[in-house]
């Protein structure tokens, strides 16, 4: 797990539980890697040299047998020039949160964040939004827009701290054939009650935003999860709306990563996947399969 900050990440718990359940003696750890340091990390770990066949492990030192990497901010775009191939989805979004290392050391980029949002909503809600509100303009916002599009949205209202950072989202909306409007977060109140919102803002940034659900079926998907519930999710739930936690997204995208790291396409289920899912959810304090963490409940992890 690479990124910054990542001390709070529950990805190691999810992945370790999965590999233990699968009987695989694999390690999954965190490494703090900030913007601009990814190339150095690859070099230090021998990933580039292994792929290009330029360097053997130093005497007395065993190079790690890498199966893959998980990436979080700020690396989901920075990794692209270091990869040999991109999946069609990762290439379309310009965002890869997953790197698979093949037997020849080649690096293949994938996006599992879209899976994390889509599968969470589809498993627990019949939402088919005609429009969606996206908060934030970073790499995860691109995945959020694609996920909302897969769920049915064909127009987007994008709100972020600096509207000048909406270039990637504007291009993506055009590629998807969708309408888009861009405005600062300070103009959210003018929208009134909303039906489908995905917040990709860092923890705490959305706390005071004036978000209100239109009805009990209105969805707020807050990708933040530590701490949970966020203030904005608590208010949305108190007003009768439906909330989804970023921990549910983290879990579902991790399932796709486990599939990829074990050699499967990300859309193909593992053998005994229900058993693996149960172990992963228990490892981070999520309710049993078929439930999500409501905004009125803490995450016990």
C-alpha atoms as a PDB file:
ATOM      1  CA  UNK A   1       0.000   0.000   0.000  1.00  0.00           C
ATOM      2  CA  UNK A   2       1.684   3.198  -1.195  1.00  0.00           C
ATOM      3  CA  UNK A   3       0.629   6.796  -0.656  1.00  0.00           C
ATOM      4  CA  UNK A   4       0.562   9.624   1.841  1.00  0.00           C
ATOM      5  CA  UNK A   5      -0.880   9.810   4.413  1.00  0.00           C
ATOM      6  CA  UNK A   6      -1.602   6.095   4.899  1.00  0.00           C
ATOM      7  CA  UNK A   7      -1.131   5.394   8.611  1.00  0.00           C
ATOM      8  CA  UNK A   8      -4.919   5.152   8.981  1.00  0.00           C
ATOM      9  CA  UNK A   9      -5.431   2.782   6.034  1.00  0.00           C
ATOM     10  CA  UNK A  10      -7.282  -0.467   6.667  1.00  0.00           C
ATOM     11  CA  UNK A  11      -6.109  -2.001   3.378  1.00  0.00           C
ATOM     12  CA  UNK A  12      -3.469  -4.181   5.094  1.00  0.00           C
ATOM     13  CA  UNK A  13      -6.119  -5.729   7.350  1.00  0.00           C
ATOM     14  CA  UNK A  14      -8.388  -6.448   4.364  1.00  0.00           C
ATOM     15  CA  UNK A  15      -5.686  -8.003   2.210  1.00  0.00           C
ATOM     16  CA  UNK A  16      -4.026 -10.024   4.978  1.00  0.00           C
ATOM     17  CA  UNK A  17      -7.380 -11.542   5.897  1.00  0.00           C
ATOM     18  CA  UNK A  18      -8.016 -12.472   2.270  1.00  0.00           C
ATOM     19  CA  UNK A  19      -4.659 -14.152   1.702  1.00  0.00           C
ATOM     20  CA  UNK A  20      -4.839 -16.015   5.000  1.00  0.00           C
ATOM     21  CA  UNK A  21      -8.268 -17.340   4.016  1.00  0.00           C
ATOM     22  CA  UNK A  22      -6.876 -18.350   0.614  1.00  0.00           C
ATOM     23  CA  UNK A  23      -3.936 -20.157   2.228  1.00  0.00           C
ATOM     24  CA  UNK A  24      -1.366 -17.828   0.627  1.00  0.00           C
ATOM     25  CA  UNK A  25       1.781 -16.924   2.562  1.00  0.00           C
ATOM     26  CA  UNK A  26       1.851 -13.368   1.237  1.00  0.00           C
ATOM     27  CA  UNK A  27       2.769 -10.099   2.922  1.00  0.00           C
ATOM     28  CA  UNK A  28       0.888  -6.841   2.468  1.00  0.00           C
ATOM     29  CA  UNK A  29       2.335  -3.732   4.093  1.00  0.00           C
ATOM     30  CA  UNK A  30       2.196   0.062   4.004  1.00  0.00           C
ATOM     31  CA  UNK A  31       4.898   2.365   2.664  1.00  0.00           C
ATOM     32  CA  UNK A  32       4.674   6.128   3.009  1.00  0.00           C
ATOM     33  CA  UNK A  33       5.417   7.502  -0.466  1.00  0.00           C
ATOM     34  CA  UNK A  34       4.722  11.156  -1.156  1.00  0.00           C
ATOM     35  CA  UNK A  35       4.297  13.009  -4.439  1.00  0.00           C
ATOM     36  CA  UNK A  36       7.437  12.807  -6.568  1.00  0.00           C
ATOM     37  CA  UNK A  37       8.889   9.810  -4.702  1.00  0.00           C
ATOM     38  CA  UNK A  38       7.273   6.933  -6.600  1.00  0.00           C
ATOM     39  CA  UNK A  39      10.044   6.525  -9.175  1.00  0.00           C
ATOM     40  CA  UNK A  40      12.616   6.402  -6.389  1.00  0.00           C
ATOM     41  CA  UNK A  41      10.572   3.757  -4.572  1.00  0.00           C
ATOM     42  CA  UNK A  42      10.379   1.618  -7.714  1.00  0.00           C
ATOM     43  CA  UNK A  43      14.144   1.949  -8.169  1.00  0.00           C
ATOM     44  CA  UNK A  44      14.935   1.102  -4.549  1.00  0.00           C
ATOM     45  CA  UNK A  45      12.696  -1.961  -4.663  1.00  0.00           C
ATOM     46  CA  UNK A  46      14.145  -3.151  -7.970  1.00  0.00           C
ATOM     47  CA  UNK A  47      10.828  -2.993  -9.799  1.00  0.00           C
ATOM     48  CA  UNK A  48      12.195  -1.153 -12.849  1.00  0.00           C
ATOM     49  CA  UNK A  49      15.405  -3.169 -13.001  1.00  0.00           C
ATOM     50  CA  UNK A  50      13.571  -6.471 -12.654  1.00  0.00           C
ATOM     51  CA  UNK A  51      11.222  -5.527 -15.462  1.00  0.00           C
ATOM     52  CA  UNK A  52      14.005  -4.389 -17.778  1.00  0.00           C
ATOM     53  CA  UNK A  53      16.328  -7.231 -16.849  1.00  0.00           C
ATOM     54  CA  UNK A  54      19.101  -4.811 -15.923  1.00  0.00           C
ATOM     55  CA  UNK A  55      19.915  -5.827 -12.387  1.00  0.00           C
ATOM     56  CA  UNK A  56      20.073  -9.001 -10.341  1.00  0.00           C
ATOM     57  CA  UNK A  57      19.561  -8.842  -6.563  1.00  0.00           C
ATOM     58  CA  UNK A  58      22.677  -7.812  -4.665  1.00  0.00           C
ATOM     59  CA  UNK A  59      24.688 -10.562  -2.993  1.00  0.00           C
ATOM     60  CA  UNK A  60      23.071 -11.643   0.236  1.00  0.00           C
ATOM     61  CA  UNK A  61      19.891  -9.693  -0.525  1.00  0.00           C
ATOM     62  CA  UNK A  62      16.692 -11.268  -1.770  1.00  0.00           C
ATOM     63  CA  UNK A  63      14.582  -8.889  -3.826  1.00  0.00           C
ATOM     64  CA  UNK A  64      10.883  -8.976  -2.922  1.00  0.00           C
ATOM     65  CA  UNK A  65       8.742 -11.206  -5.129  1.00  0.00           C
ATOM     66  CA  UNK A  66       6.197  -8.531  -5.926  1.00  0.00           C
ATOM     67  CA  UNK A  67       2.670  -9.565  -6.872  1.00  0.00           C
ATOM     68  CA  UNK A  68       1.315  -6.064  -7.012  1.00  0.00           C
ATOM     69  CA  UNK A  69       0.829  -2.661  -5.460  1.00  0.00           C
ATOM     70  CA  UNK A  70      -2.129  -0.685  -4.142  1.00  0.00           C
ATOM     71  CA  UNK A  71      -1.951   3.076  -4.598  1.00  0.00           C
ATOM     72  CA  UNK A  72      -3.771   5.909  -2.926  1.00  0.00           C
ATOM     73  CA  UNK A  73      -3.374   9.671  -3.113  1.00  0.00           C
ATOM     74  CA  UNK A  74      -1.298  11.336  -4.441  1.00  0.00           C
ATOM     75  CA  UNK A  75       0.016   8.511  -6.660  1.00  0.00           C
ATOM     76  CA  UNK A  76      -2.924   7.332  -8.780  1.00  0.00           C
ATOM     77  CA  UNK A  77      -1.920   9.554 -11.688  1.00  0.00           C
ATOM     78  CA  UNK A  78       1.819   9.771 -11.003  1.00  0.00           C
ATOM     79  CA  UNK A  79       2.197   6.017 -11.488  1.00  0.00           C
ATOM     80  CA  UNK A  80       1.036   6.040 -15.126  1.00  0.00           C
ATOM     81  CA  UNK A  81       4.414   6.803 -16.803  1.00  0.00           C
ATOM     82  CA  UNK A  82       6.029   3.941 -14.852  1.00  0.00           C
ATOM     83  CA  UNK A  83       3.682   1.254 -16.173  1.00  0.00           C
ATOM     84  CA  UNK A  84       3.971  -1.078 -19.162  1.00  0.00           C
ATOM     85  CA  UNK A  85       0.231  -1.352 -19.824  1.00  0.00           C
ATOM     86  CA  UNK A  86      -3.059   0.082 -18.628  1.00  0.00           C
ATOM     87  CA  UNK A  87      -6.455  -1.579 -18.535  1.00  0.00           C
ATOM     88  CA  UNK A  88      -9.017   0.153 -20.765  1.00  0.00           C
ATOM     89  CA  UNK A  89     -10.743   1.633 -17.709  1.00  0.00           C
ATOM     90  CA  UNK A  90      -7.515   2.931 -16.147  1.00  0.00           C
ATOM     91  CA  UNK A  91      -6.464   4.407 -19.475  1.00  0.00           C
ATOM     92  CA  UNK A  92      -9.833   6.097 -20.006  1.00  0.00           C
ATOM     93  CA  UNK A  93      -9.785   7.666 -16.549  1.00  0.00           C
ATOM     94  CA  UNK A  94      -6.052   8.359 -16.408  1.00  0.00           C
ATOM     95  CA  UNK A  95      -6.175   6.828 -12.935  1.00  0.00           C
ATOM     96  CA  UNK A  96      -4.635   3.571 -11.685  1.00  0.00           C
ATOM     97  CA  UNK A  97      -4.930   2.550  -8.050  1.00  0.00           C
ATOM     98  CA  UNK A  98      -3.691  -1.007  -8.650  1.00  0.00           C
ATOM     99  CA  UNK A  99      -0.496  -2.366 -10.218  1.00  0.00           C
ATOM    100  CA  UNK A 100      -0.129  -6.050 -11.076  1.00  0.00           C
ATOM    101  CA  UNK A 101       3.395  -7.420 -11.531  1.00  0.00           C
ATOM    102  CA  UNK A 102       3.470 -10.331 -13.984  1.00  0.00           C
ATOM    103  CA  UNK A 103       5.963 -13.219 -14.119  1.00  0.00           C
ATOM    104  CA  UNK A 104       8.276 -11.184 -16.361  1.00  0.00           C
ATOM    105  CA  UNK A 105       8.253  -8.209 -13.998  1.00  0.00           C
ATOM    106  CA  UNK A 106       6.049  -6.114 -16.275  1.00  0.00           C
ATOM    107  CA  UNK A 107       3.784  -3.621 -14.553  1.00  0.00           C
ATOM    108  CA  UNK A 108       0.095  -3.469 -15.445  1.00  0.00           C
ATOM    109  CA  UNK A 109      -2.163  -0.679 -14.180  1.00  0.00           C
ATOM    110  CA  UNK A 110      -5.811  -1.171 -13.244  1.00  0.00           C
ATOM    111  CA  UNK A 111      -8.594   0.835 -11.633  1.00  0.00           C
ATOM    112  CA  UNK A 112     -10.654  -0.910  -8.937  1.00  0.00           C
ATOM    113  CA  UNK A 113     -12.109   2.239  -7.336  1.00  0.00           C
ATOM    114  CA  UNK A 114     -15.009   2.257  -9.805  1.00  0.00           C
ATOM    115  CA  UNK A 115     -15.836  -1.313  -8.730  1.00  0.00           C
ATOM    116  CA  UNK A 116     -15.736  -0.174  -5.116  1.00  0.00           C
ATOM    117  CA  UNK A 117     -18.468   2.400  -5.639  1.00  0.00           C
ATOM    118  CA  UNK A 118     -20.656   0.569  -8.147  1.00  0.00           C
ATOM    119  CA  UNK A 119     -20.802  -2.774  -6.347  1.00  0.00           C
ATOM    120  CA  UNK A 120     -21.506  -1.131  -2.987  1.00  0.00           C
ATOM    121  CA  UNK A 121     -24.461   0.817  -4.342  1.00  0.00           C
ATOM    122  CA  UNK A 122     -25.828  -2.030  -6.458  1.00  0.00           C
ATOM    123  CA  UNK A 123     -25.688  -4.466  -3.538  1.00  0.00           C
ATOM    124  CA  UNK A 124     -27.690  -2.267  -1.197  1.00  0.00           C
ATOM    125  CA  UNK A 125     -29.707   0.235  -3.220  1.00  0.00           C
ATOM    126  CA  UNK A 126     -31.678   0.435  -6.454  1.00  0.00           C
ATOM    127  CA  UNK A 127     -30.283   3.882  -7.280  1.00  0.00           C
ATOM    128  CA  UNK A 128     -30.306   4.707 -10.985  1.00  0.00           C
ATOM    129  CA  UNK A 129     -29.567   8.446 -10.834  1.00  0.00           C
ATOM    130  CA  UNK A 130     -30.186  10.567 -13.903  1.00  0.00           C
ATOM    131  CA  UNK A 131     -27.764  13.132 -12.487  1.00  0.00           C
ATOM    132  CA  UNK A 132     -25.061  13.163  -9.835  1.00  0.00           C
ATOM    133  CA  UNK A 133     -23.185  15.689  -7.747  1.00  0.00           C
ATOM    134  CA  UNK A 134     -19.433  15.074  -7.414  1.00  0.00           C
ATOM    135  CA  UNK A 135     -17.475  16.832  -4.669  1.00  0.00           C
ATOM    136  CA  UNK A 136     -13.738  17.150  -5.293  1.00  0.00           C
ATOM    137  CA  UNK A 137     -11.550  17.166  -8.370  1.00  0.00           C
ATOM    138  CA  UNK A 138      -8.771  14.643  -7.742  1.00  0.00           C
ATOM    139  CA  UNK A 139      -8.124  11.168  -9.094  1.00  0.00           C
ATOM    140  CA  UNK A 140     -10.871   9.554  -7.015  1.00  0.00           C
ATOM    141  CA  UNK A 141     -13.377  12.068  -8.392  1.00  0.00           C
ATOM    142  CA  UNK A 142     -12.753  10.706 -11.893  1.00  0.00           C
ATOM    143  CA  UNK A 143     -13.515   7.193 -10.643  1.00  0.00           C
ATOM    144  CA  UNK A 144     -16.614   8.546  -8.883  1.00  0.00           C
ATOM    145  CA  UNK A 145     -17.881  10.127 -12.095  1.00  0.00           C
ATOM    146  CA  UNK A 146     -17.373   6.912 -14.062  1.00  0.00           C
ATOM    147  CA  UNK A 147     -19.109   4.920 -11.315  1.00  0.00           C
ATOM    148  CA  UNK A 148     -22.098   7.289 -11.295  1.00  0.00           C
ATOM    149  CA  UNK A 149     -22.243   7.030 -15.091  1.00  0.00           C
ATOM    150  CA  UNK A 150     -22.333   3.228 -14.859  1.00  0.00           C
ATOM    151  CA  UNK A 151     -25.200   3.576 -12.386  1.00  0.00           C
ATOM    152  CA  UNK A 152     -27.133   5.734 -14.852  1.00  0.00           C
ATOM    153  CA  UNK A 153     -26.092   9.370 -14.403  1.00  0.00           C
ATOM    154  CA  UNK A 154     -25.861  11.409 -17.598  1.00  0.00           C
ATOM    155  CA  UNK A 155     -25.366  14.871 -16.158  1.00  0.00           C
ATOM    156  CA  UNK A 156     -22.994  16.035 -13.447  1.00  0.00           C
ATOM    157  CA  UNK A 157     -22.663  18.957 -11.095  1.00  0.00           C
ATOM    158  CA  UNK A 158     -19.044  19.139  -9.939  1.00  0.00           C
ATOM    159  CA  UNK A 159     -18.099  21.232  -6.910  1.00  0.00           C
ATOM    160  CA  UNK A 160     -14.560  21.683  -5.659  1.00  0.00           C
ATOM    161  CA  UNK A 161     -12.440  24.129  -3.749  1.00  0.00           C
ATOM    162  CA  UNK A 162     -10.697  25.346  -6.894  1.00  0.00           C
ATOM    163  CA  UNK A 163     -12.869  25.052 -10.034  1.00  0.00           C
ATOM    164  CA  UNK A 164      -9.729  25.469 -12.160  1.00  0.00           C
ATOM    165  CA  UNK A 165      -8.838  21.883 -11.197  1.00  0.00           C
ATOM    166  CA  UNK A 166     -11.854  20.393 -12.965  1.00  0.00           C
ATOM    167  CA  UNK A 167     -10.119  19.854 -16.309  1.00  0.00           C
ATOM    168  CA  UNK A 168      -9.870  16.069 -16.075  1.00  0.00           C
ATOM    169  CA  UNK A 169     -13.500  15.762 -15.001  1.00  0.00           C
ATOM    170  CA  UNK A 170     -14.684  18.026 -17.794  1.00  0.00           C
ATOM    171  CA  UNK A 171     -12.784  15.934 -20.347  1.00  0.00           C
ATOM    172  CA  UNK A 172     -14.163  12.714 -18.877  1.00  0.00           C
ATOM    173  CA  UNK A 173     -17.748  14.005 -18.980  1.00  0.00           C
ATOM    174  CA  UNK A 174     -17.288  14.885 -22.647  1.00  0.00           C
ATOM    175  CA  UNK A 175     -15.855  11.419 -23.340  1.00  0.00           C
ATOM    176  CA  UNK A 176     -18.874   9.848 -21.646  1.00  0.00           C
ATOM    177  CA  UNK A 177     -21.270  12.066 -23.587  1.00  0.00           C
ATOM    178  CA  UNK A 178     -22.582  13.776 -20.458  1.00  0.00           C
ATOM    179  CA  UNK A 179     -23.451  17.322 -19.448  1.00  0.00           C
ATOM    180  CA  UNK A 180     -21.317  18.919 -16.741  1.00  0.00           C
ATOM    181  CA  UNK A 181     -21.386  22.094 -14.702  1.00  0.00           C
ATOM    182  CA  UNK A 182     -18.511  23.201 -12.479  1.00  0.00           C
ATOM    183  CA  UNK A 183     -18.737  25.497  -9.457  1.00  0.00           C
ATOM    184  CA  UNK A 184     -16.935  26.148  -6.172  1.00  0.00           C
ATOM    185  CA  UNK A 185     -18.012  24.368  -3.006  1.00  0.00           C
ATOM    186  CA  UNK A 186     -19.384  27.664  -1.716  1.00  0.00           C
ATOM    187  CA  UNK A 187     -22.213  27.460  -4.256  1.00  0.00           C
ATOM    188  CA  UNK A 188     -23.538  24.090  -3.094  1.00  0.00           C
ATOM    189  CA  UNK A 189     -26.358  25.640  -1.073  1.00  0.00           C
ATOM    190  CA  UNK A 190     -27.898  27.026  -4.247  1.00  0.00           C
ATOM    191  CA  UNK A 191     -28.599  23.492  -5.494  1.00  0.00           C
ATOM    192  CA  UNK A 192     -31.100  22.714  -2.748  1.00  0.00           C
ATOM    193  CA  UNK A 193     -31.894  19.081  -1.806  1.00  0.00           C
ATOM    194  CA  UNK A 194     -29.953  16.478  -3.799  1.00  0.00           C
ATOM    195  CA  UNK A 195     -30.583  12.906  -4.967  1.00  0.00           C
ATOM    196  CA  UNK A 196     -27.147  11.370  -5.546  1.00  0.00           C
ATOM    197  CA  UNK A 197     -23.879  12.758  -4.168  1.00  0.00           C
ATOM    198  CA  UNK A 198     -20.378  11.302  -4.088  1.00  0.00           C
ATOM    199  CA  UNK A 199     -17.910  13.188  -1.914  1.00  0.00           C
ATOM    200  CA  UNK A 200     -14.249  12.495  -2.648  1.00  0.00           C
ATOM    201  CA  UNK A 201     -13.065  15.307  -0.392  1.00  0.00           C
ATOM    202  CA  UNK A 202     -10.425  14.587   2.263  1.00  0.00           C
ATOM    203  CA  UNK A 203     -11.660  13.879   5.749  1.00  0.00           C
ATOM    204  CA  UNK A 204     -13.090  16.968   7.449  1.00  0.00           C
ATOM    205  CA  UNK A 205     -13.361  19.159   4.334  1.00  0.00           C
ATOM    206  CA  UNK A 206     -17.023  18.271   3.782  1.00  0.00           C
ATOM    207  CA  UNK A 207     -18.056  18.595   7.439  1.00  0.00           C
ATOM    208  CA  UNK A 208     -19.840  21.932   7.157  1.00  0.00           C
ATOM    209  CA  UNK A 209     -21.151  21.642   3.600  1.00  0.00           C
ATOM    210  CA  UNK A 210     -24.915  22.294   3.218  1.00  0.00           C
ATOM    211  CA  UNK A 211     -25.923  18.902   1.815  1.00  0.00           C
ATOM    212  CA  UNK A 212     -29.535  17.758   2.182  1.00  0.00           C
ATOM    213  CA  UNK A 213     -31.292  14.688   0.752  1.00  0.00           C
ATOM    214  CA  UNK A 214     -34.352  15.089  -1.430  1.00  0.00           C
ATOM    215  CA  UNK A 215     -35.958  11.889  -0.087  1.00  0.00           C
ATOM    216  CA  UNK A 216     -35.242   8.737   1.896  1.00  0.00           C
ATOM    217  CA  UNK A 217     -33.830   7.101  -1.244  1.00  0.00           C
ATOM    218  CA  UNK A 218     -31.342   9.939  -1.846  1.00  0.00           C
ATOM    219  CA  UNK A 219     -27.741   8.715  -1.612  1.00  0.00           C
ATOM    220  CA  UNK A 220     -24.638  10.291  -0.118  1.00  0.00           C
ATOM    221  CA  UNK A 221     -21.519   8.210  -0.766  1.00  0.00           C
ATOM    222  CA  UNK A 222     -18.710   9.693   1.340  1.00  0.00           C
ATOM    223  CA  UNK A 223     -15.389   8.052   0.442  1.00  0.00           C
ATOM    224  CA  UNK A 224     -13.984   9.123   3.821  1.00  0.00           C
ATOM    225  CA  UNK A 225     -14.237   6.495   6.555  1.00  0.00           C
ATOM    226  CA  UNK A 226     -11.933   7.483   9.400  1.00  0.00           C
ATOM    227  CA  UNK A 227     -13.584   8.565  11.573  1.00  0.00           C
ATOM    228  CA  UNK A 228     -17.065   7.298  10.700  1.00  0.00           C
ATOM    229  CA  UNK A 229     -19.639   8.658  10.624  1.00  0.00           C
ATOM    230  CA  UNK A 230     -18.408  11.892   9.132  1.00  0.00           C
ATOM    231  CA  UNK A 231     -20.328  14.969  10.169  1.00  0.00           C
ATOM    232  CA  UNK A 232     -21.833  15.421   6.731  1.00  0.00           C
ATOM    233  CA  UNK A 233     -22.952  11.775   6.624  1.00  0.00           C
ATOM    234  CA  UNK A 234     -24.532  12.097  10.066  1.00  0.00           C
ATOM    235  CA  UNK A 235     -26.564  15.122   8.980  1.00  0.00           C
ATOM    236  CA  UNK A 236     -27.619  13.436   5.733  1.00  0.00           C
ATOM    237  CA  UNK A 237     -28.810  10.375   7.658  1.00  0.00           C
ATOM    238  CA  UNK A 238     -30.574  12.538  10.263  1.00  0.00           C
ATOM    239  CA  UNK A 239     -32.493  14.168   7.411  1.00  0.00           C
ATOM    240  CA  UNK A 240     -33.637  10.714   6.281  1.00  0.00           C
ATOM    241  CA  UNK A 241     -31.202  10.036   3.417  1.00  0.00           C
ATOM    242  CA  UNK A 242     -29.156   6.909   2.654  1.00  0.00           C
ATOM    243  CA  UNK A 243     -25.406   6.934   3.298  1.00  0.00           C
ATOM    244  CA  UNK A 244     -22.507   4.769   2.209  1.00  0.00           C
ATOM    245  CA  UNK A 245     -19.114   4.768   3.898  1.00  0.00           C
ATOM    246  CA  UNK A 246     -15.754   4.866   2.167  1.00  0.00           C
ATOM    247  CA  UNK A 247     -14.969   1.689   4.069  1.00  0.00           C
ATOM    248  CA  UNK A 248     -17.522  -0.160   1.951  1.00  0.00           C
ATOM    249  CA  UNK A 249     -15.791   1.231  -1.137  1.00  0.00           C
ATOM    250  CA  UNK A 250     -12.389   0.233   0.251  1.00  0.00           C
ATOM    251  CA  UNK A 251     -13.644  -3.292   0.873  1.00  0.00           C
ATOM    252  CA  UNK A 252     -15.153  -3.788  -2.572  1.00  0.00           C
ATOM    253  CA  UNK A 253     -12.170  -2.359  -4.435  1.00  0.00           C
ATOM    254  CA  UNK A 254      -9.888  -4.572  -2.330  1.00  0.00           C
ATOM    255  CA  UNK A 255     -11.882  -7.634  -3.437  1.00  0.00           C
ATOM    256  CA  UNK A 256     -11.120  -6.667  -7.040  1.00  0.00           C
ATOM    257  CA  UNK A 257      -7.447  -6.216  -6.157  1.00  0.00           C
ATOM    258  CA  UNK A 258      -7.294  -9.643  -4.557  1.00  0.00           C
ATOM    259  CA  UNK A 259      -8.762 -11.127  -7.740  1.00  0.00           C
ATOM    260  CA  UNK A 260      -6.122  -9.361  -9.832  1.00  0.00           C
ATOM    261  CA  UNK A 261      -3.190 -10.215  -7.558  1.00  0.00           C
ATOM    262  CA  UNK A 262      -4.167 -13.899  -7.604  1.00  0.00           C
ATOM    263  CA  UNK A 263      -4.209 -13.946 -11.405  1.00  0.00           C
ATOM    264  CA  UNK A 264      -7.890 -13.445 -12.202  1.00  0.00           C
ATOM    265  CA  UNK A 265      -9.553 -10.687 -14.220  1.00  0.00           C
ATOM    266  CA  UNK A 266     -11.095  -8.224 -11.781  1.00  0.00           C
ATOM    267  CA  UNK A 267     -14.636  -9.110 -12.907  1.00  0.00           C
ATOM    268  CA  UNK A 268     -14.174 -12.855 -12.188  1.00  0.00           C
ATOM    269  CA  UNK A 269     -15.093 -14.102  -8.730  1.00  0.00           C
ATOM    270  CA  UNK A 270     -12.647 -16.023  -6.574  1.00  0.00           C
ATOM    271  CA  UNK A 271     -13.291 -19.623  -5.646  1.00  0.00           C
ATOM    272  CA  UNK A 272     -15.158 -19.477  -2.335  1.00  0.00           C
ATOM    273  CA  UNK A 273     -15.370 -15.703  -2.628  1.00  0.00           C
ATOM    274  CA  UNK A 274     -18.191 -15.482  -0.116  1.00  0.00           C
ATOM    275  CA  UNK A 275     -15.918 -17.014   2.520  1.00  0.00           C
ATOM    276  CA  UNK A 276     -13.088 -14.613   1.626  1.00  0.00           C
ATOM    277  CA  UNK A 277     -15.459 -11.648   1.740  1.00  0.00           C
ATOM    278  CA  UNK A 278     -16.694 -12.658   5.183  1.00  0.00           C
ATOM    279  CA  UNK A 279     -13.123 -12.825   6.518  1.00  0.00           C
ATOM    280  CA  UNK A 280     -12.205  -9.465   4.989  1.00  0.00           C
ATOM    281  CA  UNK A 281     -15.257  -7.704   6.389  1.00  0.00           C
ATOM    282  CA  UNK A 282     -14.687  -9.159   9.853  1.00  0.00           C
ATOM    283  CA  UNK A 283     -11.051  -7.985   9.776  1.00  0.00           C
ATOM    284  CA  UNK A 284     -12.107  -4.324   9.587  1.00  0.00           C
ATOM    285  CA  UNK A 285     -15.268  -4.462  11.693  1.00  0.00           C
ATOM    286  CA  UNK A 286     -17.737  -4.273   8.817  1.00  0.00           C
ATOM    287  CA  UNK A 287     -21.149  -5.902   9.288  1.00  0.00           C
ATOM    288  CA  UNK A 288     -21.810  -9.280   7.735  1.00  0.00           C
ATOM    289  CA  UNK A 289     -22.203  -9.583   3.984  1.00  0.00           C
ATOM    290  CA  UNK A 290     -25.454  -7.950   2.910  1.00  0.00           C
ATOM    291  CA  UNK A 291     -25.076  -4.989   5.274  1.00  0.00           C
ATOM    292  CA  UNK A 292     -23.359  -1.615   5.081  1.00  0.00           C
ATOM    293  CA  UNK A 293     -22.131   0.729   7.773  1.00  0.00           C
ATOM    294  CA  UNK A 294     -24.936   3.233   8.429  1.00  0.00           C
ATOM    295  CA  UNK A 295     -24.073   6.824   9.330  1.00  0.00           C
ATOM    296  CA  UNK A 296     -25.436   6.221  12.804  1.00  0.00           C
ATOM    297  CA  UNK A 297     -22.867   3.503  13.560  1.00  0.00           C
ATOM    298  CA  UNK A 298     -19.109   3.764  14.241  1.00  0.00           C
ATOM    299  CA  UNK A 299     -16.562   1.733  12.339  1.00  0.00           C
ATOM    300  CA  UNK A 300     -15.139  -0.735  14.789  1.00  0.00           C
ATOM    301  CA  UNK A 301     -11.598  -1.182  13.441  1.00  0.00           C
END
